[in-house]
Amino acid sequence: MKPIHATLSNFRQAPRKMRMVANAVRGKKVSNALVNLDFMAKKASLPIKNLISSAVANAKVLDIPTENLFVKTIKVDSGKILYRRRPAARGSANPIRKRTSRIFVELSTQVKGEKLKVKDKSKK
């Protein structure tokens, strides 16, 4: 089976904030993940919802049934950093780093009777 994935590059929000939403949907069925993202009160929930919907559309193009899809991998990395300056005392300037995020989503199908195998980095 071909991998079903979608990416979003240089979204203008810090990766640390995006990861909170990404961790909430990792390993869930796509239908449950989309409902959870609807009711999440975070700015990052809408772009992640659109990204998962895009991955589902990619699955439809590949003629893969979308009923048993689940979020196998969702990865949030840092993108480009926009450097700005803020005026400081005595004519100097302090740097401001406006961070961006790159999000990668991979979906997989779940076969009946098979357990979900999702890598969880928190168990170390």
PDB file of N, CA and C in Angstrom:
ATOM      1  N   MET A   1       0.833  -1.182   0.000  1.00  0.00           N
ATOM      2  CA  MET A   1       0.000   0.000   0.000  1.00  0.00           C
ATOM      3  C   MET A   1       0.880   1.249   0.000  1.00  0.00           C
ATOM      4  N   LYS A   2       0.522   2.215  -0.835  1.00  0.00           N
ATOM      5  CA  LYS A   2       1.262   3.467  -0.876  1.00  0.00           C
ATOM      6  C   LYS A   2       0.997   4.259   0.399  1.00  0.00           C
ATOM      7  N   PRO A   3       2.003   4.988   0.856  1.00  0.00           N
ATOM      8  CA  PRO A   3       1.751   5.809   2.051  1.00  0.00           C
ATOM      9  C   PRO A   3       0.819   6.981   1.721  1.00  0.00           C
ATOM     10  N   ILE A   4      -0.084   7.245   2.636  1.00  0.00           N
ATOM     11  CA  ILE A   4      -1.019   8.359   2.481  1.00  0.00           C
ATOM     12  C   ILE A   4      -0.518   9.471   3.384  1.00  0.00           C
ATOM     13  N   HIS A   5      -0.089  10.560   2.794  1.00  0.00           N
ATOM     14  CA  HIS A   5       0.453  11.626   3.635  1.00  0.00           C
ATOM     15  C   HIS A   5       0.142  12.987   3.045  1.00  0.00           C
ATOM     16  N   ALA A   6       0.321  13.997   3.887  1.00  0.00           N
ATOM     17  CA  ALA A   6       0.156  15.388   3.488  1.00  0.00           C
ATOM     18  C   ALA A   6       1.090  16.221   4.360  1.00  0.00           C
ATOM     19  N   THR A   7       1.568  17.328   3.816  1.00  0.00           N
ATOM     20  CA  THR A   7       2.475  18.204   4.569  1.00  0.00           C
ATOM     21  C   THR A   7       1.998  19.646   4.492  1.00  0.00           C
ATOM     22  N   LEU A   8       2.342  20.392   5.513  1.00  0.00           N
ATOM     23  CA  LEU A   8       2.082  21.831   5.570  1.00  0.00           C
ATOM     24  C   LEU A   8       3.384  22.485   5.982  1.00  0.00           C
ATOM     25  N   SER A   9       3.888  23.398   5.158  1.00  0.00           N
ATOM     26  CA  SER A   9       5.182  24.016   5.432  1.00  0.00           C
ATOM     27  C   SER A   9       5.019  25.476   5.823  1.00  0.00           C
ATOM     28  N   ASN A  10       5.851  25.901   6.746  1.00  0.00           N
ATOM     29  CA  ASN A  10       5.968  27.305   7.162  1.00  0.00           C
ATOM     30  C   ASN A  10       4.647  27.910   7.617  1.00  0.00           C
ATOM     31  N   PHE A  11       3.923  27.178   8.453  1.00  0.00           N
ATOM     32  CA  PHE A  11       2.727  27.742   9.070  1.00  0.00           C
ATOM     33  C   PHE A  11       3.166  28.666  10.192  1.00  0.00           C
ATOM     34  N   ARG A  12       2.603  29.835  10.261  1.00  0.00           N
ATOM     35  CA  ARG A  12       3.094  30.891  11.138  1.00  0.00           C
ATOM     36  C   ARG A  12       2.578  30.740  12.568  1.00  0.00           C
ATOM     37  N   GLN A  13       3.007  29.660  13.226  1.00  0.00           N
ATOM     38  CA  GLN A  13       2.780  29.472  14.656  1.00  0.00           C
ATOM     39  C   GLN A  13       3.911  28.606  15.183  1.00  0.00           C
ATOM     40  N   ALA A  14       4.262  28.820  16.426  1.00  0.00           N
ATOM     41  CA  ALA A  14       5.396  28.111  17.012  1.00  0.00           C
ATOM     42  C   ALA A  14       5.132  26.608  17.082  1.00  0.00           C
ATOM     43  N   PRO A  15       6.155  25.790  16.820  1.00  0.00           N
ATOM     44  CA  PRO A  15       5.978  24.341  16.849  1.00  0.00           C
ATOM     45  C   PRO A  15       5.548  23.809  18.211  1.00  0.00           C
ATOM     46  N   ARG A  16       5.987  24.455  19.261  1.00  0.00           N
ATOM     47  CA  ARG A  16       5.640  24.004  20.609  1.00  0.00           C
ATOM     48  C   ARG A  16       4.126  24.052  20.828  1.00  0.00           C
ATOM     49  N   LYS A  17       3.486  25.086  20.292  1.00  0.00           N
ATOM     50  CA  LYS A  17       2.032  25.215  20.420  1.00  0.00           C
ATOM     51  C   LYS A  17       1.303  24.247  19.499  1.00  0.00           C
ATOM     52  N   MET A  18       1.889  23.988  18.337  1.00  0.00           N
ATOM     53  CA  MET A  18       1.268  23.065  17.387  1.00  0.00           C
ATOM     54  C   MET A  18       1.317  21.631  17.905  1.00  0.00           C
ATOM     55  N   ARG A  19       2.382  21.276  18.616  1.00  0.00           N
ATOM     56  CA  ARG A  19       2.543  19.899  19.099  1.00  0.00           C
ATOM     57  C   ARG A  19       1.471  19.519  20.114  1.00  0.00           C
ATOM     58  N   MET A  20       0.959  20.491  20.867  1.00  0.00           N
ATOM     59  CA  MET A  20      -0.094  20.187  21.842  1.00  0.00           C
ATOM     60  C   MET A  20      -1.326  19.642  21.132  1.00  0.00           C
ATOM     61  N   VAL A  21      -1.666  20.221  19.994  1.00  0.00           N
ATOM     62  CA  VAL A  21      -2.828  19.763  19.231  1.00  0.00           C
ATOM     63  C   VAL A  21      -2.504  18.460  18.508  1.00  0.00           C
ATOM     64  N   ALA A  22      -1.294  18.355  17.967  1.00  0.00           N
ATOM     65  CA  ALA A  22      -0.896  17.154  17.231  1.00  0.00           C
ATOM     66  C   ALA A  22      -0.897  15.925  18.142  1.00  0.00           C
ATOM     67  N   ASN A  23      -0.452  16.092  19.380  1.00  0.00           N
ATOM     68  CA  ASN A  23      -0.427  14.968  20.318  1.00  0.00           C
ATOM     69  C   ASN A  23      -1.831  14.495  20.678  1.00  0.00           C
ATOM     70  N   ALA A  24      -2.808  15.400  20.581  1.00  0.00           N
ATOM     71  CA  ALA A  24      -4.180  15.037  20.939  1.00  0.00           C
ATOM     72  C   ALA A  24      -4.832  14.129  19.897  1.00  0.00           C
ATOM     73  N   VAL A  25      -4.360  14.168  18.641  1.00  0.00           N
ATOM     74  CA  VAL A  25      -5.010  13.371  17.590  1.00  0.00           C
ATOM     75  C   VAL A  25      -4.157  12.196  17.124  1.00  0.00           C
ATOM     76  N   ARG A  26      -2.963  12.054  17.616  1.00  0.00           N
ATOM     77  CA  ARG A  26      -2.076  10.973  17.183  1.00  0.00           C
ATOM     78  C   ARG A  26      -2.660   9.620  17.570  1.00  0.00           C
ATOM     79  N   GLY A  27      -2.753   8.697  16.600  1.00  0.00           N
ATOM     80  CA  GLY A  27      -3.227   7.350  16.852  1.00  0.00           C
ATOM     81  C   GLY A  27      -4.735   7.180  16.814  1.00  0.00           C
ATOM     82  N   LYS A  28      -5.496   8.251  16.580  1.00  0.00           N
ATOM     83  CA  LYS A  28      -6.953   8.155  16.571  1.00  0.00           C
ATOM     84  C   LYS A  28      -7.460   7.886  15.165  1.00  0.00           C
ATOM     85  N   LYS A  29      -8.683   7.381  15.081  1.00  0.00           N
ATOM     86  CA  LYS A  29      -9.338   7.242  13.784  1.00  0.00           C
ATOM     87  C   LYS A  29      -9.554   8.635  13.206  1.00  0.00           C
ATOM     88  N   VAL A  30      -9.548   8.727  11.894  1.00  0.00           N
ATOM     89  CA  VAL A  30      -9.649  10.028  11.233  1.00  0.00           C
ATOM     90  C   VAL A  30     -10.964  10.713  11.575  1.00  0.00           C
ATOM     91  N   SER A  31     -12.057   9.976  11.599  1.00  0.00           N
ATOM     92  CA  SER A  31     -13.349  10.596  11.898  1.00  0.00           C
ATOM     93  C   SER A  31     -13.370  11.165  13.316  1.00  0.00           C
ATOM     94  N   ASN A  32     -12.810  10.429  14.285  1.00  0.00           N
ATOM     95  CA  ASN A  32     -12.755  10.931  15.666  1.00  0.00           C
ATOM     96  C   ASN A  32     -11.816  12.121  15.784  1.00  0.00           C
ATOM     97  N   ALA A  33     -10.705  12.073  15.077  1.00  0.00           N
ATOM     98  CA  ALA A  33      -9.738  13.171  15.137  1.00  0.00           C
ATOM     99  C   ALA A  33     -10.337  14.463  14.590  1.00  0.00           C
ATOM    100  N   LEU A  34     -11.087  14.372  13.492  1.00  0.00           N
ATOM    101  CA  LEU A  34     -11.691  15.571  12.909  1.00  0.00           C
ATOM    102  C   LEU A  34     -12.755  16.165  13.830  1.00  0.00           C
ATOM    103  N   VAL A  35     -13.518  15.312  14.521  1.00  0.00           N
ATOM    104  CA  VAL A  35     -14.523  15.818  15.467  1.00  0.00           C
ATOM    105  C   VAL A  35     -13.837  16.479  16.654  1.00  0.00           C
ATOM    106  N   ASN A  36     -12.771  15.871  17.162  1.00  0.00           N
ATOM    107  CA  ASN A  36     -12.044  16.457  18.294  1.00  0.00           C
ATOM    108  C   ASN A  36     -11.442  17.802  17.920  1.00  0.00           C
ATOM    109  N   LEU A  37     -10.934  17.924  16.707  1.00  0.00           N
ATOM    110  CA  LEU A  37     -10.331  19.187  16.274  1.00  0.00           C
ATOM    111  C   LEU A  37     -11.378  20.288  16.118  1.00  0.00           C
ATOM    112  N   ASP A  38     -12.625  19.907  15.801  1.00  0.00           N
ATOM    113  CA  ASP A  38     -13.694  20.902  15.697  1.00  0.00           C
ATOM    114  C   ASP A  38     -13.938  21.608  17.022  1.00  0.00           C
ATOM    115  N   PHE A  39     -13.816  20.859  18.122  1.00  0.00           N
ATOM    116  CA  PHE A  39     -14.159  21.413  19.425  1.00  0.00           C
ATOM    117  C   PHE A  39     -12.948  21.845  20.237  1.00  0.00           C
ATOM    118  N   MET A  40     -11.784  21.847  19.644  1.00  0.00           N
ATOM    119  CA  MET A  40     -10.578  22.258  20.353  1.00  0.00           C
ATOM    120  C   MET A  40     -10.417  23.777  20.242  1.00  0.00           C
ATOM    121  N   ALA A  41     -10.158  24.429  21.359  1.00  0.00           N
ATOM    122  CA  ALA A  41     -10.059  25.886  21.388  1.00  0.00           C
ATOM    123  C   ALA A  41      -8.610  26.343  21.218  1.00  0.00           C
ATOM    124  N   LYS A  42      -7.987  25.897  20.138  1.00  0.00           N
ATOM    125  CA  LYS A  42      -6.605  26.282  19.836  1.00  0.00           C
ATOM    126  C   LYS A  42      -6.546  26.753  18.393  1.00  0.00           C
ATOM    127  N   LYS A  43      -5.681  27.723  18.126  1.00  0.00           N
ATOM    128  CA  LYS A  43      -5.518  28.237  16.767  1.00  0.00           C
ATOM    129  C   LYS A  43      -4.990  27.148  15.834  1.00  0.00           C
ATOM    130  N   ALA A  44      -4.200  26.230  16.366  1.00  0.00           N
ATOM    131  CA  ALA A  44      -3.564  25.197  15.554  1.00  0.00           C
ATOM    132  C   ALA A  44      -4.529  24.112  15.110  1.00  0.00           C
ATOM    133  N   SER A  45      -5.724  24.060  15.684  1.00  0.00           N
ATOM    134  CA  SER A  45      -6.628  22.958  15.357  1.00  0.00           C
ATOM    135  C   SER A  45      -7.159  23.051  13.927  1.00  0.00           C
ATOM    136  N   LEU A  46      -7.407  24.248  13.410  1.00  0.00           N
ATOM    137  CA  LEU A  46      -7.949  24.379  12.057  1.00  0.00           C
ATOM    138  C   LEU A  46      -6.947  23.945  10.977  1.00  0.00           C
ATOM    139  N   PRO A  47      -5.693  24.405  10.993  1.00  0.00           N
ATOM    140  CA  PRO A  47      -4.778  23.926   9.949  1.00  0.00           C
ATOM    141  C   PRO A  47      -4.489  22.432  10.036  1.00  0.00           C
ATOM    142  N   ILE A  48      -4.453  21.867  11.233  1.00  0.00           N
ATOM    143  CA  ILE A  48      -4.221  20.423  11.351  1.00  0.00           C
ATOM    144  C   ILE A  48      -5.446  19.663  10.848  1.00  0.00           C
ATOM    145  N   LYS A  49      -6.642  20.186  11.101  1.00  0.00           N
ATOM    146  CA  LYS A  49      -7.853  19.556  10.576  1.00  0.00           C
ATOM    147  C   LYS A  49      -7.843  19.585   9.054  1.00  0.00           C
ATOM    148  N   ASN A  50      -7.473  20.720   8.471  1.00  0.00           N
ATOM    149  CA  ASN A  50      -7.414  20.820   7.013  1.00  0.00           C
ATOM    150  C   ASN A  50      -6.355  19.892   6.435  1.00  0.00           C
ATOM    151  N   LEU A  51      -5.258  19.720   7.148  1.00  0.00           N
ATOM    152  CA  LEU A  51      -4.186  18.844   6.681  1.00  0.00           C
ATOM    153  C   LEU A  51      -4.624  17.383   6.700  1.00  0.00           C
ATOM    154  N   ILE A  52      -5.328  16.970   7.744  1.00  0.00           N
ATOM    155  CA  ILE A  52      -5.835  15.601   7.801  1.00  0.00           C
ATOM    156  C   ILE A  52      -6.882  15.386   6.708  1.00  0.00           C
ATOM    157  N   SER A  53      -7.726  16.389   6.470  1.00  0.00           N
ATOM    158  CA  SER A  53      -8.711  16.289   5.394  1.00  0.00           C
ATOM    159  C   SER A  53      -8.032  16.184   4.034  1.00  0.00           C
ATOM    160  N   SER A  54      -6.921  16.874   3.872  1.00  0.00           N
ATOM    161  CA  SER A  54      -6.149  16.796   2.632  1.00  0.00           C
ATOM    162  C   SER A  54      -5.567  15.404   2.437  1.00  0.00           C
ATOM    163  N   ALA A  55      -5.085  14.796   3.520  1.00  0.00           N
ATOM    164  CA  ALA A  55      -4.551  13.442   3.436  1.00  0.00           C
ATOM    165  C   ALA A  55      -5.656  12.442   3.089  1.00  0.00           C
ATOM    166  N   VAL A  56      -6.864  12.658   3.610  1.00  0.00           N
ATOM    167  CA  VAL A  56      -7.999  11.793   3.275  1.00  0.00           C
ATOM    168  C   VAL A  56      -8.341  11.944   1.791  1.00  0.00           C
ATOM    169  N   ALA A  57      -8.286  13.167   1.280  1.00  0.00           N
ATOM    170  CA  ALA A  57      -8.534  13.395  -0.146  1.00  0.00           C
ATOM    171  C   ALA A  57      -7.474  12.695  -0.995  1.00  0.00           C
ATOM    172  N   ASN A  58      -6.229  12.696  -0.522  1.00  0.00           N
ATOM    173  CA  ASN A  58      -5.164  11.979  -1.230  1.00  0.00           C
ATOM    174  C   ASN A  58      -5.448  10.477  -1.256  1.00  0.00           C
ATOM    175  N   ALA A  59      -6.019   9.961  -0.176  1.00  0.00           N
ATOM    176  CA  ALA A  59      -6.372   8.541  -0.129  1.00  0.00           C
ATOM    177  C   ALA A  59      -7.475   8.223  -1.134  1.00  0.00           C
ATOM    178  N   LYS A  60      -8.437   9.130  -1.274  1.00  0.00           N
ATOM    179  CA  LYS A  60      -9.518   8.913  -2.241  1.00  0.00           C
ATOM    180  C   LYS A  60      -8.978   8.903  -3.664  1.00  0.00           C
ATOM    181  N   VAL A  61      -7.989   9.734  -3.946  1.00  0.00           N
ATOM    182  CA  VAL A  61      -7.378   9.764  -5.271  1.00  0.00           C
ATOM    183  C   VAL A  61      -6.679   8.437  -5.567  1.00  0.00           C
ATOM    184  N   LEU A  62      -6.093   7.831  -4.541  1.00  0.00           N
ATOM    185  CA  LEU A  62      -5.411   6.546  -4.703  1.00  0.00           C
ATOM    186  C   LEU A  62      -6.363   5.353  -4.624  1.00  0.00           C
ATOM    187  N   ASP A  63      -7.668   5.611  -4.557  1.00  0.00           N
ATOM    188  CA  ASP A  63      -8.705   4.569  -4.457  1.00  0.00           C
ATOM    189  C   ASP A  63      -8.525   3.681  -3.232  1.00  0.00           C
ATOM    190  N   ILE A  64      -8.215   4.302  -2.109  1.00  0.00           N
ATOM    191  CA  ILE A  64      -8.086   3.587  -0.841  1.00  0.00           C
ATOM    192  C   ILE A  64      -9.329   3.891  -0.016  1.00  0.00           C
ATOM    193  N   PRO A  65      -9.993   2.865   0.535  1.00  0.00           N
ATOM    194  CA  PRO A  65     -11.198   3.138   1.335  1.00  0.00           C
ATOM    195  C   PRO A  65     -10.845   3.954   2.580  1.00  0.00           C
ATOM    196  N   THR A  66     -11.673   4.939   2.873  1.00  0.00           N
ATOM    197  CA  THR A  66     -11.363   5.883   3.949  1.00  0.00           C
ATOM    198  C   THR A  66     -12.048   5.564   5.269  1.00  0.00           C
ATOM    199  N   GLU A  67     -12.790   4.453   5.353  1.00  0.00           N
ATOM    200  CA  GLU A  67     -13.527   4.162   6.589  1.00  0.00           C
ATOM    201  C   GLU A  67     -12.600   3.758   7.730  1.00  0.00           C
ATOM    202  N   ASN A  68     -11.546   3.008   7.434  1.00  0.00           N
ATOM    203  CA  ASN A  68     -10.679   2.482   8.487  1.00  0.00           C
ATOM    204  C   ASN A  68      -9.371   3.250   8.643  1.00  0.00           C
ATOM    205  N   LEU A  69      -9.301   4.460   8.136  1.00  0.00           N
ATOM    206  CA  LEU A  69      -8.054   5.225   8.237  1.00  0.00           C
ATOM    207  C   LEU A  69      -7.859   5.746   9.655  1.00  0.00           C
ATOM    208  N   PHE A  70      -6.606   5.747  10.092  1.00  0.00           N
ATOM    209  CA  PHE A  70      -6.257   6.364  11.368  1.00  0.00           C
ATOM    210  C   PHE A  70      -4.964   7.154  11.198  1.00  0.00           C
ATOM    211  N   VAL A  71      -4.700   8.050  12.133  1.00  0.00           N
ATOM    212  CA  VAL A  71      -3.520   8.907  12.072  1.00  0.00           C
ATOM    213  C   VAL A  71      -2.335   8.095  12.590  1.00  0.00           C
ATOM    214  N   LYS A  72      -1.520   7.611  11.680  1.00  0.00           N
ATOM    215  CA  LYS A  72      -0.377   6.786  12.058  1.00  0.00           C
ATOM    216  C   LYS A  72       0.755   7.651  12.586  1.00  0.00           C
ATOM    217  N   THR A  73       1.086   8.704  11.855  1.00  0.00           N
ATOM    218  CA  THR A  73       2.181   9.596  12.233  1.00  0.00           C
ATOM    219  C   THR A  73       1.724  11.034  12.060  1.00  0.00           C
ATOM    220  N   ILE A  74       2.004  11.859  13.043  1.00  0.00           N
ATOM    221  CA  ILE A  74       1.848  13.298  12.887  1.00  0.00           C
ATOM    222  C   ILE A  74       3.058  13.929  13.554  1.00  0.00           C
ATOM    223  N   LYS A  75       3.800  14.671  12.754  1.00  0.00           N
ATOM    224  CA  LYS A  75       5.082  15.192  13.200  1.00  0.00           C
ATOM    225  C   LYS A  75       5.093  16.699  13.000  1.00  0.00           C
ATOM    226  N   VAL A  76       5.501  17.439  14.019  1.00  0.00           N
ATOM    227  CA  VAL A  76       5.604  18.891  13.928  1.00  0.00           C
ATOM    228  C   VAL A  76       7.060  19.269  14.144  1.00  0.00           C
ATOM    229  N   ASP A  77       7.657  19.857  13.130  1.00  0.00           N
ATOM    230  CA  ASP A  77       9.045  20.308  13.199  1.00  0.00           C
ATOM    231  C   ASP A  77       9.077  21.816  13.024  1.00  0.00           C
ATOM    232  N   SER A  78      10.216  22.406  13.361  1.00  0.00           N
ATOM    233  CA  SER A  78      10.342  23.845  13.177  1.00  0.00           C
ATOM    234  C   SER A  78      10.624  24.161  11.717  1.00  0.00           C
ATOM    235  N   GLY A  79      10.033  25.242  11.249  1.00  0.00           N
ATOM    236  CA  GLY A  79      10.248  25.703   9.882  1.00  0.00           C
ATOM    237  C   GLY A  79      11.224  26.869   9.895  1.00  0.00           C
ATOM    238  N   LYS A  80      11.045  27.751   8.941  1.00  0.00           N
ATOM    239  CA  LYS A  80      11.900  28.934   8.882  1.00  0.00           C
ATOM    240  C   LYS A  80      11.620  29.824  10.088  1.00  0.00           C
ATOM    241  N   ILE A  81      12.627  30.551  10.522  1.00  0.00           N
ATOM    242  CA  ILE A  81      12.472  31.496  11.627  1.00  0.00           C
ATOM    243  C   ILE A  81      12.620  32.895  11.054  1.00  0.00           C
ATOM    244  N   LEU A  82      11.620  33.737  11.293  1.00  0.00           N
ATOM    245  CA  LEU A  82      11.667  35.119  10.835  1.00  0.00           C
ATOM    246  C   LEU A  82      12.320  35.953  11.929  1.00  0.00           C
ATOM    247  N   TYR A  83      13.411  36.623  11.596  1.00  0.00           N
ATOM    248  CA  TYR A  83      14.133  37.413  12.579  1.00  0.00           C
ATOM    249  C   TYR A  83      13.700  38.868  12.462  1.00  0.00           C
ATOM    250  N   ARG A  84      13.273  39.432  13.582  1.00  0.00           N
ATOM    251  CA  ARG A  84      12.864  40.827  13.661  1.00  0.00           C
ATOM    252  C   ARG A  84      13.642  41.477  14.797  1.00  0.00           C
ATOM    253  N   ARG A  85      13.576  42.782  14.888  1.00  0.00           N
ATOM    254  CA  ARG A  85      14.291  43.521  15.939  1.00  0.00           C
ATOM    255  C   ARG A  85      13.326  44.393  16.722  1.00  0.00           C
ATOM    256  N   ARG A  86      13.566  44.474  18.017  1.00  0.00           N
ATOM    257  CA  ARG A  86      12.783  45.337  18.895  1.00  0.00           C
ATOM    258  C   ARG A  86      13.732  46.382  19.480  1.00  0.00           C
ATOM    259  N   PRO A  87      13.353  47.652  19.470  1.00  0.00           N
ATOM    260  CA  PRO A  87      14.225  48.682  20.039  1.00  0.00           C
ATOM    261  C   PRO A  87      14.459  48.452  21.531  1.00  0.00           C
ATOM    262  N   ALA A  88      15.682  48.711  21.956  1.00  0.00           N
ATOM    263  CA  ALA A  88      16.042  48.542  23.363  1.00  0.00           C
ATOM    264  C   ALA A  88      16.757  49.814  23.830  1.00  0.00           C
ATOM    265  N   ALA A  89      17.228  49.795  25.057  1.00  0.00           N
ATOM    266  CA  ALA A  89      17.830  50.978  25.666  1.00  0.00           C
ATOM    267  C   ALA A  89      19.115  51.398  24.942  1.00  0.00           C
ATOM    268  N   ARG A  90      19.382  52.691  24.955  1.00  0.00           N
ATOM    269  CA  ARG A  90      20.609  53.286  24.421  1.00  0.00           C
ATOM    270  C   ARG A  90      20.827  52.996  22.936  1.00  0.00           C
ATOM    271  N   GLY A  91      19.758  52.977  22.195  1.00  0.00           N
ATOM    272  CA  GLY A  91      19.876  52.820  20.749  1.00  0.00           C
ATOM    273  C   GLY A  91      20.213  51.419  20.276  1.00  0.00           C
ATOM    274  N   SER A  92      20.161  50.444  21.171  1.00  0.00           N
ATOM    275  CA  SER A  92      20.454  49.073  20.738  1.00  0.00           C
ATOM    276  C   SER A  92      19.152  48.376  20.330  1.00  0.00           C
ATOM    277  N   ALA A  93      19.279  47.139  19.885  1.00  0.00           N
ATOM    278  CA  ALA A  93      18.108  46.379  19.456  1.00  0.00           C
ATOM    279  C   ALA A  93      18.207  44.953  19.985  1.00  0.00           C
ATOM    280  N   ASN A  94      17.076  44.409  20.383  1.00  0.00           N
ATOM    281  CA  ASN A  94      17.005  43.021  20.833  1.00  0.00           C
ATOM    282  C   ASN A  94      16.337  42.177  19.745  1.00  0.00           C
ATOM    283  N   PRO A  95      16.798  40.945  19.560  1.00  0.00           N
ATOM    284  CA  PRO A  95      16.204  40.116  18.506  1.00  0.00           C
ATOM    285  C   PRO A  95      14.855  39.518  18.924  1.00  0.00           C
ATOM    286  N   ILE A  96      13.983  39.364  17.956  1.00  0.00           N
ATOM    287  CA  ILE A  96      12.713  38.669  18.120  1.00  0.00           C
ATOM    288  C   ILE A  96      12.701  37.551  17.096  1.00  0.00           C
ATOM    289  N   ARG A  97      12.411  36.335  17.541  1.00  0.00           N
ATOM    290  CA  ARG A  97      12.353  35.198  16.623  1.00  0.00           C
ATOM    291  C   ARG A  97      10.905  34.769  16.461  1.00  0.00           C
ATOM    292  N   LYS A  98      10.372  34.969  15.265  1.00  0.00           N
ATOM    293  CA  LYS A  98       9.006  34.551  14.957  1.00  0.00           C
ATOM    294  C   LYS A  98       9.097  33.187  14.298  1.00  0.00           C
ATOM    295  N   ARG A  99       8.656  32.165  15.016  1.00  0.00           N
ATOM    296  CA  ARG A  99       8.865  30.787  14.579  1.00  0.00           C
ATOM    297  C   ARG A  99       7.717  30.299  13.705  1.00  0.00           C
ATOM    298  N   THR A 100       8.068  29.386  12.800  1.00  0.00           N
ATOM    299  CA  THR A 100       7.076  28.752  11.946  1.00  0.00           C
ATOM    300  C   THR A 100       7.167  27.237  12.129  1.00  0.00           C
ATOM    301  N   SER A 101       6.168  26.527  11.629  1.00  0.00           N
ATOM    302  CA  SER A 101       6.087  25.080  11.825  1.00  0.00           C
ATOM    303  C   SER A 101       5.928  24.364  10.493  1.00  0.00           C
ATOM    304  N   ARG A 102       6.465  23.140  10.452  1.00  0.00           N
ATOM    305  CA  ARG A 102       6.234  22.209   9.343  1.00  0.00           C
ATOM    306  C   ARG A 102       5.522  21.002   9.928  1.00  0.00           C
ATOM    307  N   ILE A 103       4.394  20.647   9.351  1.00  0.00           N
ATOM    308  CA  ILE A 103       3.607  19.537   9.877  1.00  0.00           C
ATOM    309  C   ILE A 103       3.532  18.444   8.820  1.00  0.00           C
ATOM    310  N   PHE A 104       3.738  17.204   9.242  1.00  0.00           N
ATOM    311  CA  PHE A 104       3.675  16.037   8.368  1.00  0.00           C
ATOM    312  C   PHE A 104       2.669  15.064   8.965  1.00  0.00           C
ATOM    313  N   VAL A 105       1.704  14.643   8.160  1.00  0.00           N
ATOM    314  CA  VAL A 105       0.675  13.698   8.606  1.00  0.00           C
ATOM    315  C   VAL A 105       0.723  12.475   7.699  1.00  0.00           C
ATOM    316  N   GLU A 106       0.736  11.298   8.312  1.00  0.00           N
ATOM    317  CA  GLU A 106       0.666  10.052   7.553  1.00  0.00           C
ATOM    318  C   GLU A 106      -0.500   9.231   8.093  1.00  0.00           C
ATOM    319  N   LEU A 107      -1.336   8.765   7.174  1.00  0.00           N
ATOM    320  CA  LEU A 107      -2.488   7.948   7.535  1.00  0.00           C
ATOM    321  C   LEU A 107      -2.234   6.508   7.122  1.00  0.00           C
ATOM    322  N   SER A 108      -2.888   5.591   7.806  1.00  0.00           N
ATOM    323  CA  SER A 108      -2.773   4.184   7.486  1.00  0.00           C
ATOM    324  C   SER A 108      -4.122   3.526   7.708  1.00  0.00           C
ATOM    325  N   THR A 109      -4.309   2.376   7.099  1.00  0.00           N
ATOM    326  CA  THR A 109      -5.560   1.652   7.290  1.00  0.00           C
ATOM    327  C   THR A 109      -5.380   0.637   8.400  1.00  0.00           C
ATOM    328  N   GLN A 110      -6.442   0.413   9.119  1.00  0.00           N
ATOM    329  CA  GLN A 110      -6.419  -0.545  10.216  1.00  0.00           C
ATOM    330  C   GLN A 110      -7.198  -1.772   9.795  1.00  0.00           C
ATOM    331  N   VAL A 111      -6.566  -2.926   9.875  1.00  0.00           N
ATOM    332  CA  VAL A 111      -7.211  -4.188   9.542  1.00  0.00           C
ATOM    333  C   VAL A 111      -7.910  -4.697  10.796  1.00  0.00           C
ATOM    334  N   LYS A 112      -9.074  -5.326  10.626  1.00  0.00           N
ATOM    335  CA  LYS A 112      -9.818  -5.829  11.786  1.00  0.00           C
ATOM    336  C   LYS A 112      -8.993  -6.873  12.516  1.00  0.00           C
ATOM    337  N   GLY A 113      -8.988  -6.794  13.828  1.00  0.00           N
ATOM    338  CA  GLY A 113      -8.241  -7.739  14.651  1.00  0.00           C
ATOM    339  C   GLY A 113      -6.790  -7.355  14.848  1.00  0.00           C
ATOM    340  N   GLU A 114      -6.351  -6.285  14.210  1.00  0.00           N
ATOM    341  CA  GLU A 114      -4.956  -5.860  14.340  1.00  0.00           C
ATOM    342  C   GLU A 114      -4.889  -4.696  15.320  1.00  0.00           C
ATOM    343  N   LYS A 115      -3.907  -4.737  16.220  1.00  0.00           N
ATOM    344  CA  LYS A 115      -3.756  -3.652  17.176  1.00  0.00           C
ATOM    345  C   LYS A 115      -3.045  -2.487  16.516  1.00  0.00           C
ATOM    346  N   LEU A 116      -3.352  -1.282  17.003  1.00  0.00           N
ATOM    347  CA  LEU A 116      -2.680  -0.094  16.507  1.00  0.00           C
ATOM    348  C   LEU A 116      -1.238  -0.080  16.984  1.00  0.00           C
ATOM    349  N   LYS A 117      -0.339   0.155  16.058  1.00  0.00           N
ATOM    350  CA  LYS A 117       1.067   0.287  16.428  1.00  0.00           C
ATOM    351  C   LYS A 117       1.493   1.713  16.128  1.00  0.00           C
ATOM    352  N   VAL A 118       1.467   2.554  17.142  1.00  0.00           N
ATOM    353  CA  VAL A 118       1.831   3.949  17.002  1.00  0.00           C
ATOM    354  C   VAL A 118       3.027   4.226  17.868  1.00  0.00           C
ATOM    355  N   LYS A 119       4.037   4.821  17.282  1.00  0.00           N
ATOM    356  CA  LYS A 119       5.242   5.140  18.050  1.00  0.00           C
ATOM    357  C   LYS A 119       4.942   6.288  18.986  1.00  0.00           C
ATOM    358  N   ASP A 120       5.253   6.100  20.260  1.00  0.00           N
ATOM    359  CA  ASP A 120       5.028   7.137  21.262  1.00  0.00           C
ATOM    360  C   ASP A 120       6.369   7.476  21.878  1.00  0.00           C
ATOM    361  N   LYS A 121       6.817   8.718  21.640  1.00  0.00           N
ATOM    362  CA  LYS A 121       8.135   9.125  22.119  1.00  0.00           C
ATOM    363  C   LYS A 121       8.161   9.425  23.612  1.00  0.00           C
ATOM    364  N   SER A 122       6.986   9.570  24.227  1.00  0.00           N
ATOM    365  CA  SER A 122       6.957   9.946  25.639  1.00  0.00           C
ATOM    366  C   SER A 122       7.340   8.787  26.564  1.00  0.00           C
ATOM    367  N   LYS A 123       7.334   7.538  26.071  1.00  0.00           N
ATOM    368  CA  LYS A 123       7.663   6.395  26.907  1.00  0.00           C
ATOM    369  C   LYS A 123       9.143   6.080  26.787  1.00  0.00           C
ATOM    370  N   LYS A 124       9.959   6.829  27.476  1.00  0.00           N
ATOM    371  CA  LYS A 124      11.414   6.600  27.458  1.00  0.00           C
ATOM    372  C   LYS A 124      11.941   6.470  28.846  1.00  0.00           C
TER     373      LYS A 124
END
